[in-house]
Protein backbone atom coordinates (compact mmCIF):
# COMPACT_ATOMS: atom_id res chain seq x y z
CA LEU A 1 26.46 -95.25 145.54
CA ASP A 2 24.93 -93.22 142.71
CA GLN A 3 22.24 -91.96 145.08
CA LEU A 4 24.82 -91.13 147.74
CA LEU A 5 26.85 -89.00 145.35
CA GLU A 6 23.85 -87.41 143.69
CA THR A 7 21.94 -86.39 146.81
CA GLN A 8 24.34 -86.16 149.76
CA TRP A 9 27.54 -84.43 148.65
CA GLY A 10 28.27 -81.79 151.27
CA SER A 11 25.82 -83.29 153.76
CA PRO A 12 26.66 -84.72 157.21
CA ALA A 13 26.45 -88.19 155.64
CA LEU A 14 29.81 -87.51 153.95
CA ASP A 15 31.50 -85.82 156.93
CA TRP A 16 34.09 -88.54 157.48
CA GLY A 17 37.28 -86.50 157.20
CA ASP A 18 39.73 -87.44 159.94
CA VAL A 19 42.26 -84.67 159.19
CA PRO A 20 41.10 -81.02 159.41
CA PHE A 21 41.02 -79.13 156.11
CA VAL A 22 43.18 -75.98 156.07
CA SER A 23 43.46 -74.81 152.45
CA GLY A 24 44.11 -76.05 148.93
CA LEU A 25 45.89 -75.04 145.73
CA VAL A 26 45.15 -75.02 142.01
CA ASN A 27 48.42 -75.05 140.05
CA CYS A 28 50.27 -73.86 143.17
CA LYS A 29 47.93 -70.92 143.79
CA GLY A 30 45.34 -70.72 146.53
CA ARG A 31 43.87 -68.69 149.34
CA ALA A 32 43.80 -69.45 153.04
CA ALA A 33 41.00 -68.08 155.21
CA GLY A 34 41.28 -64.32 155.71
CA LYS A 35 43.89 -63.89 152.96
CA ASN A 36 43.65 -62.31 149.49
CA THR A 37 46.40 -64.06 147.56
CA PRO A 38 46.06 -64.47 143.76
CA LEU A 39 44.08 -67.37 142.36
CA GLU A 40 44.88 -69.43 139.26
CA GLN A 41 43.50 -67.87 136.05
CA VAL A 42 42.40 -70.07 133.12
CA LEU A 43 41.95 -67.97 129.98
CA ILE A 44 39.42 -68.90 127.27
CA ARG A 45 37.93 -67.25 124.17
CA ASP A 46 34.33 -67.31 123.06
CA GLY A 47 33.93 -70.29 120.70
CA GLU A 48 37.15 -71.96 121.86
CA VAL A 49 37.32 -75.53 123.18
CA LEU A 50 39.74 -76.21 126.05
CA ARG A 51 40.90 -79.61 127.25
CA LEU A 52 41.58 -79.59 130.98
CA ARG A 53 43.47 -82.34 132.77
CA LEU A 54 42.12 -82.51 136.31
CA ILE A 55 44.33 -84.14 138.95
CA ASN A 56 43.48 -84.55 142.61
CA GLY A 57 47.01 -84.31 143.96
CA GLY A 58 45.91 -83.92 147.56
CA ALA A 59 46.47 -86.32 150.42
CA THR A 60 43.06 -86.56 152.09
CA TYR A 61 39.88 -85.40 150.39
CA SER A 62 37.79 -86.21 147.36
CA LEU A 63 36.86 -83.04 145.50
CA ARG A 64 33.67 -82.19 143.64
CA PHE A 65 34.74 -80.11 140.62
CA GLN A 66 32.66 -77.60 138.67
CA ILE A 67 33.14 -74.55 136.46
CA ASP A 68 30.11 -72.34 136.94
CA ASN A 69 27.97 -72.02 133.80
CA HIS A 70 30.20 -74.40 131.82
CA PRO A 71 29.31 -78.09 131.34
CA LEU A 72 32.17 -80.59 131.33
CA THR A 73 32.47 -83.26 128.65
CA VAL A 74 34.44 -86.10 130.27
CA ILE A 75 36.57 -87.98 127.71
CA ALA A 76 39.17 -89.86 129.78
CA SER A 77 40.07 -90.96 133.30
CA ASP A 78 43.49 -91.97 134.62
CA GLY A 79 44.84 -91.53 131.09
CA GLN A 80 42.39 -94.03 129.58
CA PRO A 81 39.69 -92.91 127.10
CA MET A 82 36.02 -93.34 127.98
CA LYS A 83 32.78 -92.75 126.14
CA PRO A 84 32.21 -88.98 126.27
CA VAL A 85 29.57 -87.91 128.75
CA THR A 86 28.59 -84.31 129.48
CA VAL A 87 27.93 -83.37 133.09
CA ASP A 88 27.83 -80.28 135.27
CA ASN A 89 30.32 -81.58 137.82
CA LEU A 90 32.25 -84.65 138.91
CA VAL A 91 33.93 -86.09 142.01
CA ILE A 92 37.70 -86.69 141.84
CA GLY A 93 39.13 -89.10 144.40
CA VAL A 94 42.65 -88.66 145.75
CA GLY A 95 45.04 -89.65 142.96
CA GLU A 96 42.34 -89.80 140.26
CA ARG A 97 42.67 -87.90 136.97
CA TYR A 98 40.03 -86.80 134.48
CA ASP A 99 40.29 -85.18 131.05
CA VAL A 100 37.38 -82.84 130.26
CA LEU A 101 36.45 -80.50 127.42
CA ILE A 102 34.84 -77.13 128.05
CA HIS A 103 33.36 -74.89 125.37
CA GLY A 104 33.83 -71.15 125.51
CA LYS A 105 30.44 -69.50 125.31
CA GLY A 106 30.07 -66.07 126.76
CA SER A 107 32.20 -63.49 128.49
CA GLY A 108 33.32 -62.29 131.90
CA SER A 109 34.72 -64.44 134.69
CA HIS A 110 33.41 -67.63 136.28
CA TRP A 111 34.33 -69.53 139.42
CA ILE A 112 36.17 -72.83 139.16
CA ARG A 113 35.31 -74.79 142.30
CA ALA A 114 36.73 -77.94 143.92
CA THR A 115 34.85 -78.71 147.13
CA THR A 116 35.26 -81.39 149.78
CA GLY A 117 32.36 -83.29 151.27
CA GLN A 118 32.83 -81.04 154.29
CA HIS A 119 31.92 -77.80 152.42
CA LYS A 120 35.55 -76.64 152.12
CA THR A 121 36.24 -75.09 148.70
CA ILE A 122 39.36 -74.50 146.63
CA LYS A 123 38.86 -71.88 143.90
CA ALA A 124 40.31 -70.71 140.61
CA VAL A 125 38.90 -68.46 137.86
CA LEU A 126 37.88 -69.03 134.23
CA ARG A 127 38.32 -65.68 132.38
CA TYR A 128 37.28 -64.59 128.90
CA GLY A 129 40.41 -62.58 128.13
CA ASP A 130 42.53 -60.11 130.06
CA LYS A 131 39.76 -57.49 130.14
CA ALA A 132 37.39 -59.74 132.09
CA PRO A 133 37.25 -59.21 135.88
CA VAL A 134 40.09 -60.88 137.75
CA GLU A 135 37.44 -62.59 139.87
CA PRO A 136 33.68 -63.04 139.60
CA ALA A 137 31.45 -61.53 142.21
CA PRO A 138 31.13 -63.70 145.33
CA SER A 139 28.31 -66.20 144.98
CA PRO A 140 27.08 -69.27 146.84
CA GLU A 141 27.86 -72.72 145.52
CA THR A 142 25.03 -73.91 143.30
CA TRP A 143 25.77 -77.32 141.90
CA GLY A 144 24.41 -78.19 138.48
CA PRO A 145 22.07 -81.19 138.55
CA ALA A 146 24.16 -83.48 136.31
CA LEU A 147 26.83 -85.17 138.45
CA LEU A 148 29.08 -87.80 136.83
CA LEU A 149 27.97 -91.12 138.31
CA PRO A 150 29.98 -94.38 138.29
CA THR A 151 27.38 -96.10 136.11
CA GLN A 152 27.90 -93.46 133.38
CA MET A 153 31.57 -94.35 132.95
CA ARG A 154 31.96 -96.72 130.00
CA SER A 155 34.78 -98.01 127.83
CA PRO A 156 34.70 -96.61 124.27
CA LYS A 157 35.37 -100.13 122.93
CA PRO A 158 33.47 -103.33 123.72
CA VAL A 159 35.00 -105.44 126.49
CA ASP A 160 33.81 -109.04 126.79
CA LEU A 161 34.61 -110.47 130.23
CA THR A 162 31.59 -112.77 130.43
CA ASN A 163 33.44 -116.05 129.82
CA VAL A 164 36.97 -115.11 130.85
CA PRO A 165 38.41 -117.39 133.60
CA PHE A 166 39.64 -115.54 136.68
CA ARG A 167 40.85 -116.03 140.24
CA GLU A 168 38.91 -114.14 142.90
CA ILE A 169 40.72 -112.33 145.72
CA ASP A 170 38.94 -110.68 148.65
CA MET A 171 40.23 -107.32 149.88
CA LEU A 172 38.78 -106.38 153.29
CA LEU A 173 39.53 -102.80 154.34
CA GLU A 174 39.40 -102.05 158.06
CA GLY A 175 40.33 -99.37 160.62
CA PRO A 176 41.03 -97.24 162.56
CA ALA A 177 39.98 -98.59 165.99
CA PRO A 178 41.32 -99.31 168.57
CA VAL A 179 44.31 -97.20 167.47
CA TYR A 180 44.87 -95.17 164.31
CA ARG A 181 45.81 -98.00 161.96
CA TRP A 182 44.31 -99.16 158.66
CA SER A 183 44.55 -102.69 157.30
CA VAL A 184 43.98 -104.86 154.24
CA ASN A 185 42.80 -108.38 155.10
CA GLY A 186 43.81 -107.86 158.72
CA GLN A 187 47.45 -106.99 157.91
CA TYR A 188 49.33 -103.72 158.18
CA TYR A 189 51.93 -102.76 155.59
CA PRO A 190 54.90 -103.35 155.60
CA ASN A 191 54.17 -106.40 157.75
CA THR A 192 52.05 -108.07 155.08
CA THR A 193 52.07 -111.37 153.24
CA PRO A 194 52.53 -110.67 149.50
CA ILE A 195 49.69 -111.68 147.21
CA LYS A 196 51.23 -114.04 144.65
CA ILE A 197 49.79 -113.86 141.13
CA GLY A 198 50.89 -115.81 138.08
CA ALA A 199 52.15 -113.99 134.99
CA ASN A 200 49.22 -113.09 132.71
CA GLU A 201 46.73 -114.44 135.25
CA MET A 202 43.30 -112.80 135.25
CA VAL A 203 42.37 -111.58 138.73
CA ARG A 204 39.03 -110.37 140.06
CA MET A 205 39.27 -108.45 143.34
CA ARG A 206 36.30 -107.77 145.57
CA PHE A 207 36.80 -104.84 147.92
CA ARG A 208 34.70 -104.61 151.06
CA ASN A 209 34.77 -101.31 152.93
CA PRO A 210 32.77 -101.44 156.18
CA THR A 211 34.54 -98.32 157.50
CA ASN A 212 33.17 -94.78 157.72
CA MET A 213 35.76 -93.40 155.31
CA GLU A 214 36.52 -93.57 151.60
CA HIS A 215 39.58 -95.43 150.34
CA PRO A 216 40.86 -94.47 146.85
CA PHE A 217 42.94 -97.50 145.88
CA HIS A 218 45.74 -97.27 143.34
CA ILE A 219 47.71 -100.10 141.76
CA HIS A 220 51.27 -99.64 140.50
CA GLY A 221 52.27 -101.09 137.14
CA HIS A 222 48.75 -102.00 135.96
CA SER A 223 45.29 -100.70 135.19
CA PHE A 224 42.03 -102.53 135.85
CA TYR A 225 38.41 -102.73 134.78
CA ILE A 226 35.91 -101.37 137.28
CA LEU A 227 33.01 -103.80 137.18
CA GLY A 228 30.84 -102.10 139.80
CA GLY A 229 29.02 -103.53 142.82
CA PRO A 230 28.86 -107.33 143.26
CA ASP A 231 25.20 -107.40 142.22
CA GLU A 232 25.58 -105.14 139.17
CA LEU A 233 28.72 -106.21 137.33
CA ASN A 234 29.42 -104.52 134.01
CA LEU A 235 31.19 -107.17 131.91
CA VAL A 236 30.69 -105.58 128.47
CA ASP A 237 32.09 -102.03 128.60
CA PRO A 238 33.58 -101.26 132.05
CA PRO A 239 35.92 -98.27 132.42
CA TYR A 240 39.65 -98.99 132.58
CA LYS A 241 41.54 -97.08 135.28
CA ASP A 242 44.38 -97.36 137.80
CA THR A 243 42.66 -95.65 140.75
CA VAL A 244 39.18 -96.21 142.15
CA ASN A 245 37.45 -94.87 145.25
CA ILE A 246 35.92 -97.48 147.56
CA TRP A 247 33.18 -95.49 149.26
CA PRO A 248 32.17 -96.01 152.92
CA HIS A 249 30.03 -99.05 153.66
CA SER A 250 30.22 -100.33 150.09
CA ASP A 251 31.63 -103.19 148.02
CA LEU A 252 33.34 -102.86 144.65
CA VAL A 253 34.69 -105.38 142.14
CA ILE A 254 37.60 -104.86 139.75
CA GLN A 255 39.23 -107.21 137.24
CA TRP A 256 42.68 -107.06 135.66
CA LYS A 257 45.34 -109.09 133.91
CA ALA A 258 48.71 -109.44 135.63
CA ASN A 259 50.69 -108.71 132.45
CA ASN A 260 53.55 -106.73 134.02
CA PRO A 261 55.81 -109.03 136.11
CA GLY A 262 57.44 -107.71 139.23
CA HIS A 263 56.74 -106.63 142.78
CA TRP A 264 54.05 -103.95 142.89
CA ILE A 265 52.32 -102.07 145.68
CA PHE A 266 48.54 -101.65 145.85
CA HIS A 267 47.54 -98.97 148.36
CA CYS A 268 45.04 -96.43 149.60
CA HIS A 269 45.87 -92.98 148.23
CA VAL A 270 44.80 -91.19 151.43
CA GLU A 271 48.28 -90.67 152.84
CA TRP A 272 47.22 -91.07 156.48
CA HIS A 273 45.67 -94.45 155.67
CA PHE A 274 48.69 -95.61 153.64
CA ALA A 275 51.00 -94.56 156.49
CA GLY A 276 48.72 -96.43 158.87
CA GLY A 277 49.22 -99.71 156.99
CA MET A 278 46.53 -99.82 154.29
CA ALA A 279 48.50 -101.41 151.45
CA SER A 280 49.28 -104.80 149.93
CA LEU A 281 52.21 -106.15 147.93
CA LEU A 282 51.56 -107.97 144.67
CA HIS A 283 54.20 -110.44 143.51
CA ILE A 284 53.66 -111.26 139.83
CA ALA A 285 55.80 -113.96 138.28
C-alpha cells in the first residue's frame, strides 16, 4: 500500500472512478472547466503558523492535498491526535479529516491543490496578504517527494494491544457485478443481518477488498485502532480514527472496544457504494 500511494498516484493503476468527475469546491468556492469564478483565499503572514482542518466532504474521490512550497505538519486525524509528522502532501479519503500546521515563510501566492487519482484538481490559493497576487501563475502539478504513508501514522501515547482478548469478525467487500450493487459479507443494506456485539467487547475486524475500487469505511458512535495489514499489525502505537480507506485488492485490520451501546451503522463513505448496499448494522448491548 505504501508503494502504491508513493509511486502511482495519478497513474492508470488508480483510475478506478466509476462516476465522472465534474468539479469540486473548497469552502464553497470552485471553478468548473472554462469558467473563471473566484477561488478560496487563505491569508497568511510571514512567520505565522496556521492550523488547517482538512475535510474531504465529497461523495466519490480520495484527494491528494498539497500547498505548493509549504510542508504540512500532520498533528491529528478524524479529531484524534497523532505523533506529528511533516510531509509535502497527503491523501484524504472520503469522510476523512486531518489537522495540519503550515508555517508562513515567504511572500506572494501559492496554489493549494486537491487532486483525484484521475488527474482532476480542485484549487484554492494561499496568499501572503492582500497585496499578493490573487492567483499564482499557472504551473504544472509537481508533487513533493514526502507523501504521508499509513505506516507513518502513530498514536502519541503507547497502546498495548498485544495481550488483549478480542473477537475476530471478517468483513468481505464485494461488487459491483453483475449489476451495480456493493455488499458486505454477501449482504446488501438494508437487507442485512445485524452484527451483534456485547457491551465493552473488544472486536478485531479484518477487511478484505478484492474489488478494483477503494472503500473508505466509517463507523458511527465509535473510533478504532488501525492495526495495518494482517502480516504487519501495529499493536503498540496504532492511530485511532473513525474512518479508514480500504484500498483496492488489499486487506486491513482494525480493533475497537464496543463501549457505546446502541444500534450503529458501519458503511462505505462513497455515496454510490453506500446506496448500492455496502453497509452493516452493529447491535451493541
